[in-house]
Amino acid sequence: MIDLSRGLAPAALSAIEDLERRVVSADGGRLKLEWDALRHRTGQDVEDVLWWDGERLLGFLGLYAHSAPTIELAGMVDPAARRRGIGTALLDAALELCRRRRAESVLLVVPRHSAAGLSLVRRRGGRLDHSEHALQLLAEPAEVPADPRVTVRPATPADTDAVRELLRLGFGWEPPESAGHDPRALVVERDDRVVGTARVSREGDRAGIYGFVIHPDLQGRGIGRDVLHRMCRTAQGDGAAVVHLEVATDNDRALNLYTSLGFRPVITEDYYALA
């Protein structure tokens, strides 16, 4: 049965973890479930759709907005329960939630190797919007000389305008007023000027780097390489066994930067726009 969840109780999180293990064991690769977000749902809105068969979870679909006008949907169906309409029911329920929230657009994240996901997208008339490589670093990053003029520190409320401008330049959407208030947000300074930002989240022994932007006027000068190296070393020093991030498949400059530091592709994910 469908369960529209406002926040996820420990039992539900455990069931999602078990389902994820079953799906990855059968399909390989990884799933973009964004565990940091799942564990910190506010409980104010319905953000997750679950399909239960008694006490066994057979399907899950999460909504992720990150304060952007676009809502991303990512989930999974138990390999033993596919072709029963569970994926379609989850998607129908999630799209209704997106309509109620007046989302400007909706993107369904589909692992490229997922035949079931691609079939669902085609039935719903999905249009490929963009694709991303998921990469991970399992060893120490390649050595990079540190620029003494560059510093990385936690963002403060005073950085909000600068962070919003960087996100606007880097991702082409209008960030919310709260940008820069995230306790996981960092700012990059060069000669005391804010020139970059990123967000680092921790998920068990995994660290994720998101929203990494260096001001376009200063790209190509080694700042991004230096900062990424520092973030990786800091995360590993704090106990992270894996550092992961995503990059658009057509962003050759960023992809070359990440692979030169030791990141390796794990999977390619396609983002389909749904009506």
C-alpha atoms as a PDB file:
ATOM      1  CA  MET A   1       0.000   0.000   0.000  1.00  0.00           C
ATOM      2  CA  ILE A   2       1.066   3.595  -0.646  1.00  0.00           C
ATOM      3  CA  ASP A   3       2.345   5.565   2.342  1.00  0.00           C
ATOM      4  CA  LEU A   4       2.802   9.336   2.003  1.00  0.00           C
ATOM      5  CA  SER A   5       5.381  10.172   4.638  1.00  0.00           C
ATOM      6  CA  ARG A   6       6.008  13.419   6.534  1.00  0.00           C
ATOM      7  CA  GLY A   7       9.463  12.626   7.831  1.00  0.00           C
ATOM      8  CA  LEU A   8      10.976   9.166   8.108  1.00  0.00           C
ATOM      9  CA  ALA A   9      10.959   7.202  11.363  1.00  0.00           C
ATOM     10  CA  PRO A  10      13.977   4.990  12.200  1.00  0.00           C
ATOM     11  CA  ALA A  11      12.062   1.887  11.148  1.00  0.00           C
ATOM     12  CA  ALA A  12      11.296   3.397   7.747  1.00  0.00           C
ATOM     13  CA  LEU A  13      14.921   4.483   7.248  1.00  0.00           C
ATOM     14  CA  SER A  14      16.060   0.964   8.093  1.00  0.00           C
ATOM     15  CA  ALA A  15      13.582  -0.507   5.600  1.00  0.00           C
ATOM     16  CA  ILE A  16      14.828   1.887   2.889  1.00  0.00           C
ATOM     17  CA  GLU A  17      18.411   0.833   3.597  1.00  0.00           C
ATOM     18  CA  ASP A  18      17.447  -2.837   3.285  1.00  0.00           C
ATOM     19  CA  LEU A  19      15.628  -2.157   0.014  1.00  0.00           C
ATOM     20  CA  GLU A  20      18.600  -0.248  -1.332  1.00  0.00           C
ATOM     21  CA  ARG A  21      20.902  -3.182  -0.588  1.00  0.00           C
ATOM     22  CA  ARG A  22      18.593  -5.580  -2.422  1.00  0.00           C
ATOM     23  CA  VAL A  23      18.346  -3.311  -5.463  1.00  0.00           C
ATOM     24  CA  VAL A  24      22.085  -2.574  -5.709  1.00  0.00           C
ATOM     25  CA  SER A  25      22.893  -6.260  -5.230  1.00  0.00           C
ATOM     26  CA  ALA A  26      20.633  -7.108  -8.179  1.00  0.00           C
ATOM     27  CA  ASP A  27      21.344  -4.143 -10.454  1.00  0.00           C
ATOM     28  CA  GLY A  28      24.853  -2.970  -9.487  1.00  0.00           C
ATOM     29  CA  GLY A  29      25.957   0.648  -9.517  1.00  0.00           C
ATOM     30  CA  ARG A  30      24.431   2.962  -6.912  1.00  0.00           C
ATOM     31  CA  LEU A  31      21.190   4.812  -6.216  1.00  0.00           C
ATOM     32  CA  LYS A  32      20.898   8.568  -5.717  1.00  0.00           C
ATOM     33  CA  LEU A  33      18.898   8.471  -2.499  1.00  0.00           C
ATOM     34  CA  GLU A  34      20.653  11.389  -0.738  1.00  0.00           C
ATOM     35  CA  TRP A  35      20.723   9.865   2.705  1.00  0.00           C
ATOM     36  CA  ASP A  36      21.667  13.102   4.426  1.00  0.00           C
ATOM     37  CA  ALA A  37      18.418  14.640   3.205  1.00  0.00           C
ATOM     38  CA  LEU A  38      16.371  11.553   4.107  1.00  0.00           C
ATOM     39  CA  ARG A  39      17.687  11.525   7.662  1.00  0.00           C
ATOM     40  CA  HIS A  40      16.928  15.201   8.155  1.00  0.00           C
ATOM     41  CA  ARG A  41      13.418  15.571   6.736  1.00  0.00           C
ATOM     42  CA  THR A  42      11.601  18.401   8.528  1.00  0.00           C
ATOM     43  CA  GLY A  43       8.305  16.552   8.815  1.00  0.00           C
ATOM     44  CA  GLN A  44       6.415  19.635   7.642  1.00  0.00           C
ATOM     45  CA  ASP A  45       5.680  18.337   4.131  1.00  0.00           C
ATOM     46  CA  VAL A  46       5.166  14.978   2.482  1.00  0.00           C
ATOM     47  CA  GLU A  47       8.510  14.355   0.812  1.00  0.00           C
ATOM     48  CA  ASP A  48       8.642  10.575   0.491  1.00  0.00           C
ATOM     49  CA  VAL A  49       6.358   7.947  -1.028  1.00  0.00           C
ATOM     50  CA  LEU A  50       6.664   4.350   0.176  1.00  0.00           C
ATOM     51  CA  TRP A  51       4.990   1.112  -0.916  1.00  0.00           C
ATOM     52  CA  TRP A  52       4.585  -1.464   1.821  1.00  0.00           C
ATOM     53  CA  ASP A  53       3.545  -5.100   1.610  1.00  0.00           C
ATOM     54  CA  GLY A  54       2.811  -5.714   5.261  1.00  0.00           C
ATOM     55  CA  GLU A  55       6.044  -4.844   7.068  1.00  0.00           C
ATOM     56  CA  ARG A  56       8.226  -5.299   3.959  1.00  0.00           C
ATOM     57  CA  LEU A  57       9.085  -2.232   1.891  1.00  0.00           C
ATOM     58  CA  LEU A  58       8.827  -2.941  -1.846  1.00  0.00           C
ATOM     59  CA  GLY A  59       9.118   0.556  -3.306  1.00  0.00           C
ATOM     60  CA  PHE A  60      10.364   4.027  -2.459  1.00  0.00           C
ATOM     61  CA  LEU A  61      10.446   7.430  -4.177  1.00  0.00           C
ATOM     62  CA  GLY A  62      11.873  10.554  -2.577  1.00  0.00           C
ATOM     63  CA  LEU A  63      11.366  14.229  -3.476  1.00  0.00           C
ATOM     64  CA  TYR A  64      14.398  16.516  -3.370  1.00  0.00           C
ATOM     65  CA  ALA A  65      14.132  20.252  -3.920  1.00  0.00           C
ATOM     66  CA  HIS A  66      17.251  21.737  -2.244  1.00  0.00           C
ATOM     67  CA  SER A  67      15.438  25.109  -2.346  1.00  0.00           C
ATOM     68  CA  ALA A  68      15.551  25.055  -6.154  1.00  0.00           C
ATOM     69  CA  PRO A  69      12.467  25.549  -8.373  1.00  0.00           C
ATOM     70  CA  THR A  70      13.000  22.047  -9.778  1.00  0.00           C
ATOM     71  CA  ILE A  71      12.065  18.959  -7.775  1.00  0.00           C
ATOM     72  CA  GLU A  72      14.105  15.819  -8.384  1.00  0.00           C
ATOM     73  CA  LEU A  73      12.600  12.366  -7.889  1.00  0.00           C
ATOM     74  CA  ALA A  74      14.741   9.328  -7.143  1.00  0.00           C
ATOM     75  CA  GLY A  75      13.784   5.894  -5.887  1.00  0.00           C
ATOM     76  CA  MET A  76      13.641   2.160  -6.458  1.00  0.00           C
ATOM     77  CA  VAL A  77      11.457  -0.943  -6.586  1.00  0.00           C
ATOM     78  CA  ASP A  78      12.354  -4.337  -5.139  1.00  0.00           C
ATOM     79  CA  PRO A  79      13.685  -6.535  -7.987  1.00  0.00           C
ATOM     80  CA  ALA A  80      11.330  -9.329  -6.914  1.00  0.00           C
ATOM     81  CA  ALA A  81       8.296  -7.034  -7.097  1.00  0.00           C
ATOM     82  CA  ARG A  82       8.755  -5.370 -10.468  1.00  0.00           C
ATOM     83  CA  ARG A  83       6.157  -5.401 -13.253  1.00  0.00           C
ATOM     84  CA  ARG A  84       3.398  -5.046 -10.664  1.00  0.00           C
ATOM     85  CA  GLY A  85       2.732  -1.358 -11.222  1.00  0.00           C
ATOM     86  CA  ILE A  86       4.514  -0.236  -8.055  1.00  0.00           C
ATOM     87  CA  GLY A  87       6.848   2.174  -9.860  1.00  0.00           C
ATOM     88  CA  THR A  88       3.944   3.742 -11.733  1.00  0.00           C
ATOM     89  CA  ALA A  89       1.917   4.159  -8.528  1.00  0.00           C
ATOM     90  CA  LEU A  90       4.855   5.749  -6.717  1.00  0.00           C
ATOM     91  CA  LEU A  91       5.458   8.164  -9.583  1.00  0.00           C
ATOM     92  CA  ASP A  92       1.765   9.127  -9.855  1.00  0.00           C
ATOM     93  CA  ALA A  93       1.666   9.933  -6.146  1.00  0.00           C
ATOM     94  CA  ALA A  94       4.922  11.915  -6.311  1.00  0.00           C
ATOM     95  CA  LEU A  95       3.786  13.968  -9.307  1.00  0.00           C
ATOM     96  CA  GLU A  96       0.597  14.893  -7.484  1.00  0.00           C
ATOM     97  CA  LEU A  97       2.719  16.133  -4.569  1.00  0.00           C
ATOM     98  CA  CYS A  98       4.831  18.171  -7.018  1.00  0.00           C
ATOM     99  CA  ARG A  99       1.673  19.733  -8.465  1.00  0.00           C
ATOM    100  CA  ARG A 100       0.489  20.715  -5.008  1.00  0.00           C
ATOM    101  CA  ARG A 101       3.867  22.328  -4.328  1.00  0.00           C
ATOM    102  CA  ARG A 102       3.656  24.223  -7.624  1.00  0.00           C
ATOM    103  CA  ALA A 103       7.035  22.959  -8.803  1.00  0.00           C
ATOM    104  CA  GLU A 104       8.281  24.704 -11.939  1.00  0.00           C
ATOM    105  CA  SER A 105       9.686  21.436 -13.269  1.00  0.00           C
ATOM    106  CA  VAL A 106      10.162  17.816 -12.216  1.00  0.00           C
ATOM    107  CA  LEU A 107      13.126  15.589 -13.040  1.00  0.00           C
ATOM    108  CA  LEU A 108      13.141  11.814 -12.556  1.00  0.00           C
ATOM    109  CA  VAL A 109      16.638  10.408 -11.941  1.00  0.00           C
ATOM    110  CA  VAL A 110      17.159   7.110 -13.788  1.00  0.00           C
ATOM    111  CA  PRO A 111      20.396   5.061 -13.706  1.00  0.00           C
ATOM    112  CA  ARG A 112      21.385   4.628 -17.341  1.00  0.00           C
ATOM    113  CA  HIS A 113      21.548   0.831 -17.045  1.00  0.00           C
ATOM    114  CA  SER A 114      18.019   0.585 -15.570  1.00  0.00           C
ATOM    115  CA  ALA A 115      15.741  -0.947 -18.188  1.00  0.00           C
ATOM    116  CA  ALA A 116      12.753  -0.700 -15.825  1.00  0.00           C
ATOM    117  CA  GLY A 117      13.402   2.979 -15.145  1.00  0.00           C
ATOM    118  CA  LEU A 118      13.781   3.789 -18.827  1.00  0.00           C
ATOM    119  CA  SER A 119      10.578   1.935 -19.649  1.00  0.00           C
ATOM    120  CA  LEU A 120       8.693   3.927 -17.015  1.00  0.00           C
ATOM    121  CA  VAL A 121      10.062   7.215 -18.337  1.00  0.00           C
ATOM    122  CA  ARG A 122       9.083   6.374 -21.897  1.00  0.00           C
ATOM    123  CA  ARG A 123       5.549   5.486 -20.848  1.00  0.00           C
ATOM    124  CA  ARG A 124       5.261   8.875 -19.166  1.00  0.00           C
ATOM    125  CA  GLY A 125       6.649  10.828 -22.123  1.00  0.00           C
ATOM    126  CA  GLY A 126       9.799  11.882 -20.293  1.00  0.00           C
ATOM    127  CA  ARG A 127      12.316  14.076 -22.105  1.00  0.00           C
ATOM    128  CA  LEU A 128      16.031  13.792 -21.383  1.00  0.00           C
ATOM    129  CA  ASP A 129      17.080  17.016 -19.683  1.00  0.00           C
ATOM    130  CA  HIS A 130      20.695  16.257 -18.792  1.00  0.00           C
ATOM    131  CA  SER A 131      22.969  13.484 -17.572  1.00  0.00           C
ATOM    132  CA  GLU A 132      25.522  13.268 -14.798  1.00  0.00           C
ATOM    133  CA  HIS A 133      28.413  10.980 -13.951  1.00  0.00           C
ATOM    134  CA  ALA A 134      28.573   9.877 -10.310  1.00  0.00           C
ATOM    135  CA  LEU A 135      32.212   9.671  -9.239  1.00  0.00           C
ATOM    136  CA  GLN A 136      33.922   8.517  -6.077  1.00  0.00           C
ATOM    137  CA  LEU A 137      37.371   8.743  -4.508  1.00  0.00           C
ATOM    138  CA  LEU A 138      38.531   5.703  -2.540  1.00  0.00           C
ATOM    139  CA  ALA A 139      42.179   6.627  -1.949  1.00  0.00           C
ATOM    140  CA  GLU A 140      44.073   9.784  -1.091  1.00  0.00           C
ATOM    141  CA  PRO A 141      43.750  12.470  -3.777  1.00  0.00           C
ATOM    142  CA  ALA A 142      46.698  13.293  -6.005  1.00  0.00           C
ATOM    143  CA  GLU A 143      48.992  15.866  -4.426  1.00  0.00           C
ATOM    144  CA  VAL A 144      48.253  19.500  -5.255  1.00  0.00           C
ATOM    145  CA  PRO A 145      50.299  22.520  -4.144  1.00  0.00           C
ATOM    146  CA  ALA A 146      48.339  24.776  -1.798  1.00  0.00           C
ATOM    147  CA  ASP A 147      47.980  28.442  -2.698  1.00  0.00           C
ATOM    148  CA  PRO A 148      48.563  30.476   0.486  1.00  0.00           C
ATOM    149  CA  ARG A 149      46.217  33.169  -0.823  1.00  0.00           C
ATOM    150  CA  VAL A 150      43.307  30.711  -0.844  1.00  0.00           C
ATOM    151  CA  THR A 151      41.375  29.775   2.310  1.00  0.00           C
ATOM    152  CA  VAL A 152      38.307  27.603   2.934  1.00  0.00           C
ATOM    153  CA  ARG A 153      36.008  28.263   5.887  1.00  0.00           C
ATOM    154  CA  PRO A 154      32.400  27.663   6.995  1.00  0.00           C
ATOM    155  CA  ALA A 155      29.880  30.069   5.487  1.00  0.00           C
ATOM    156  CA  THR A 156      28.234  32.656   7.749  1.00  0.00           C
ATOM    157  CA  PRO A 157      25.042  34.691   7.301  1.00  0.00           C
ATOM    158  CA  ALA A 158      27.237  37.572   6.141  1.00  0.00           C
ATOM    159  CA  ASP A 159      28.233  35.448   3.113  1.00  0.00           C
ATOM    160  CA  THR A 160      24.661  34.962   1.922  1.00  0.00           C
ATOM    161  CA  ASP A 161      24.723  37.476  -0.940  1.00  0.00           C
ATOM    162  CA  ALA A 162      28.087  36.239  -2.219  1.00  0.00           C
ATOM    163  CA  VAL A 163      27.017  32.583  -2.025  1.00  0.00           C
ATOM    164  CA  ARG A 164      23.737  33.292  -3.801  1.00  0.00           C
ATOM    165  CA  GLU A 165      25.580  35.088  -6.613  1.00  0.00           C
ATOM    166  CA  LEU A 166      28.015  32.191  -7.039  1.00  0.00           C
ATOM    167  CA  LEU A 167      25.180  29.646  -7.181  1.00  0.00           C
ATOM    168  CA  ARG A 168      23.355  31.855  -9.677  1.00  0.00           C
ATOM    169  CA  LEU A 169      26.439  32.027 -11.907  1.00  0.00           C
ATOM    170  CA  GLY A 170      27.282  28.352 -11.523  1.00  0.00           C
ATOM    171  CA  PHE A 171      23.875  26.722 -11.882  1.00  0.00           C
ATOM    172  CA  GLY A 172      21.649  29.256 -13.588  1.00  0.00           C
ATOM    173  CA  TRP A 173      18.820  29.458 -11.043  1.00  0.00           C
ATOM    174  CA  GLU A 174      17.787  31.939  -8.404  1.00  0.00           C
ATOM    175  CA  PRO A 175      18.947  30.654  -4.983  1.00  0.00           C
ATOM    176  CA  PRO A 176      16.762  31.268  -1.930  1.00  0.00           C
ATOM    177  CA  GLU A 177      17.490  33.879   0.702  1.00  0.00           C
ATOM    178  CA  SER A 178      18.594  31.091   3.023  1.00  0.00           C
ATOM    179  CA  ALA A 179      21.557  30.150   0.810  1.00  0.00           C
ATOM    180  CA  GLY A 180      24.726  30.366   2.863  1.00  0.00           C
ATOM    181  CA  HIS A 181      22.920  29.538   6.125  1.00  0.00           C
ATOM    182  CA  ASP A 182      23.365  25.780   5.653  1.00  0.00           C
ATOM    183  CA  PRO A 183      25.743  24.564   8.386  1.00  0.00           C
ATOM    184  CA  ARG A 184      27.419  22.331   5.796  1.00  0.00           C
ATOM    185  CA  ALA A 185      28.146  25.241   3.421  1.00  0.00           C
ATOM    186  CA  LEU A 186      31.704  26.406   2.857  1.00  0.00           C
ATOM    187  CA  VAL A 187      33.100  29.505   1.185  1.00  0.00           C
ATOM    188  CA  VAL A 188      36.377  29.849  -0.661  1.00  0.00           C
ATOM    189  CA  GLU A 189      38.296  33.088  -0.290  1.00  0.00           C
ATOM    190  CA  ARG A 190      41.214  34.353  -2.339  1.00  0.00           C
ATOM    191  CA  ASP A 191      42.941  37.463  -1.073  1.00  0.00           C
ATOM    192  CA  ASP A 192      40.006  37.936   1.352  1.00  0.00           C
ATOM    193  CA  ARG A 193      37.416  37.908  -1.455  1.00  0.00           C
ATOM    194  CA  VAL A 194      34.730  35.185  -1.607  1.00  0.00           C
ATOM    195  CA  VAL A 195      35.351  33.404  -4.909  1.00  0.00           C
ATOM    196  CA  GLY A 196      33.762  29.983  -4.431  1.00  0.00           C
ATOM    197  CA  THR A 197      31.389  27.831  -2.451  1.00  0.00           C
ATOM    198  CA  ALA A 198      30.587  24.174  -1.817  1.00  0.00           C
ATOM    199  CA  ARG A 199      28.537  22.035   0.525  1.00  0.00           C
ATOM    200  CA  VAL A 200      29.950  18.941   2.206  1.00  0.00           C
ATOM    201  CA  SER A 201      27.642  16.371   3.790  1.00  0.00           C
ATOM    202  CA  ARG A 202      28.497  13.235   5.738  1.00  0.00           C
ATOM    203  CA  GLU A 203      26.594   9.959   5.356  1.00  0.00           C
ATOM    204  CA  GLY A 204      28.173   7.338   7.606  1.00  0.00           C
ATOM    205  CA  ASP A 205      31.637   6.684   6.205  1.00  0.00           C
ATOM    206  CA  ARG A 206      30.808   8.558   2.989  1.00  0.00           C
ATOM    207  CA  ALA A 207      31.286  12.274   2.349  1.00  0.00           C
ATOM    208  CA  GLY A 208      29.462  14.051  -0.489  1.00  0.00           C
ATOM    209  CA  ILE A 209      30.511  17.301  -2.152  1.00  0.00           C
ATOM    210  CA  TYR A 210      27.691  19.326  -3.693  1.00  0.00           C
ATOM    211  CA  GLY A 211      27.186  22.739  -5.275  1.00  0.00           C
ATOM    212  CA  PHE A 212      30.900  23.270  -5.887  1.00  0.00           C
ATOM    213  CA  VAL A 213      31.406  26.561  -7.725  1.00  0.00           C
ATOM    214  CA  ILE A 214      34.413  28.776  -8.415  1.00  0.00           C
ATOM    215  CA  HIS A 215      33.647  32.218  -9.857  1.00  0.00           C
ATOM    216  CA  PRO A 216      33.795  31.969 -13.678  1.00  0.00           C
ATOM    217  CA  ASP A 217      36.322  34.840 -13.862  1.00  0.00           C
ATOM    218  CA  LEU A 218      38.788  32.801 -11.791  1.00  0.00           C
ATOM    219  CA  GLN A 219      38.325  29.347 -13.253  1.00  0.00           C
ATOM    220  CA  GLY A 220      41.307  27.683 -14.861  1.00  0.00           C
ATOM    221  CA  ARG A 221      43.785  29.081 -12.315  1.00  0.00           C
ATOM    222  CA  GLY A 222      44.068  26.000 -10.129  1.00  0.00           C
ATOM    223  CA  ILE A 223      41.797  27.256  -7.360  1.00  0.00           C
ATOM    224  CA  GLY A 224      39.213  24.507  -7.832  1.00  0.00           C
ATOM    225  CA  ARG A 225      41.866  21.786  -7.843  1.00  0.00           C
ATOM    226  CA  ASP A 226      43.440  23.181  -4.669  1.00  0.00           C
ATOM    227  CA  VAL A 227      40.119  23.524  -2.842  1.00  0.00           C
ATOM    228  CA  LEU A 228      38.810  20.109  -3.885  1.00  0.00           C
ATOM    229  CA  HIS A 229      42.045  18.520  -2.704  1.00  0.00           C
ATOM    230  CA  ARG A 230      41.645  20.218   0.681  1.00  0.00           C
ATOM    231  CA  MET A 231      38.013  19.157   1.052  1.00  0.00           C
ATOM    232  CA  CYS A 232      38.868  15.550   0.230  1.00  0.00           C
ATOM    233  CA  ARG A 233      41.782  15.439   2.679  1.00  0.00           C
ATOM    234  CA  THR A 234      39.663  17.023   5.403  1.00  0.00           C
ATOM    235  CA  ALA A 235      36.834  14.532   4.852  1.00  0.00           C
ATOM    236  CA  GLN A 236      39.233  11.596   4.894  1.00  0.00           C
ATOM    237  CA  GLY A 237      40.919  12.969   7.995  1.00  0.00           C
ATOM    238  CA  ASP A 238      37.512  12.991   9.669  1.00  0.00           C
ATOM    239  CA  GLY A 239      37.054   9.299   8.871  1.00  0.00           C
ATOM    240  CA  ALA A 240      35.360   9.241   5.459  1.00  0.00           C
ATOM    241  CA  ALA A 241      36.322   6.134   3.485  1.00  0.00           C
ATOM    242  CA  VAL A 242      34.630   7.394   0.310  1.00  0.00           C
ATOM    243  CA  VAL A 243      34.246  10.905  -1.107  1.00  0.00           C
ATOM    244  CA  HIS A 244      31.673  11.241  -3.873  1.00  0.00           C
ATOM    245  CA  LEU A 245      30.295  13.907  -6.189  1.00  0.00           C
ATOM    246  CA  GLU A 246      28.415  14.326  -9.464  1.00  0.00           C
ATOM    247  CA  VAL A 247      29.362  16.126 -12.659  1.00  0.00           C
ATOM    248  CA  ALA A 248      27.424  16.846 -15.843  1.00  0.00           C
ATOM    249  CA  THR A 249      28.522  14.529 -18.655  1.00  0.00           C
ATOM    250  CA  ASP A 250      29.172  17.510 -20.949  1.00  0.00           C
ATOM    251  CA  ASN A 251      31.338  19.367 -18.399  1.00  0.00           C
ATOM    252  CA  ASP A 252      34.700  18.134 -19.667  1.00  0.00           C
ATOM    253  CA  ARG A 253      36.711  20.667 -17.666  1.00  0.00           C
ATOM    254  CA  ALA A 254      35.240  19.584 -14.333  1.00  0.00           C
ATOM    255  CA  LEU A 255      35.372  15.888 -15.252  1.00  0.00           C
ATOM    256  CA  ASN A 256      39.079  16.170 -16.120  1.00  0.00           C
ATOM    257  CA  LEU A 257      39.708  17.989 -12.843  1.00  0.00           C
ATOM    258  CA  TYR A 258      37.996  15.323 -10.761  1.00  0.00           C
ATOM    259  CA  THR A 259      39.603  12.349 -12.500  1.00  0.00           C
ATOM    260  CA  SER A 260      43.046  13.976 -12.297  1.00  0.00           C
ATOM    261  CA  LEU A 261      42.662  13.993  -8.507  1.00  0.00           C
ATOM    262  CA  GLY A 262      41.745  10.302  -8.456  1.00  0.00           C
ATOM    263  CA  PHE A 263      37.945  10.261  -8.697  1.00  0.00           C
ATOM    264  CA  ARG A 264      36.555   7.401 -10.770  1.00  0.00           C
ATOM    265  CA  PRO A 265      33.111   7.063 -12.433  1.00  0.00           C
ATOM    266  CA  VAL A 266      30.667   4.713 -10.722  1.00  0.00           C
ATOM    267  CA  ILE A 267      27.517   5.177 -12.779  1.00  0.00           C
ATOM    268  CA  THR A 268      25.861   7.560 -15.219  1.00  0.00           C
ATOM    269  CA  GLU A 269      22.440   8.937 -14.266  1.00  0.00           C
ATOM    270  CA  ASP A 270      19.950  10.460 -16.702  1.00  0.00           C
ATOM    271  CA  TYR A 271      17.565  13.202 -15.576  1.00  0.00           C
ATOM    272  CA  TYR A 272      14.245  13.114 -17.417  1.00  0.00           C
ATOM    273  CA  ALA A 273      11.820  16.040 -17.409  1.00  0.00           C
ATOM    274  CA  LEU A 274       8.232  14.958 -16.771  1.00  0.00           C
ATOM    275  CA  ALA A 275       5.080  16.881 -17.576  1.00  0.00           C
END
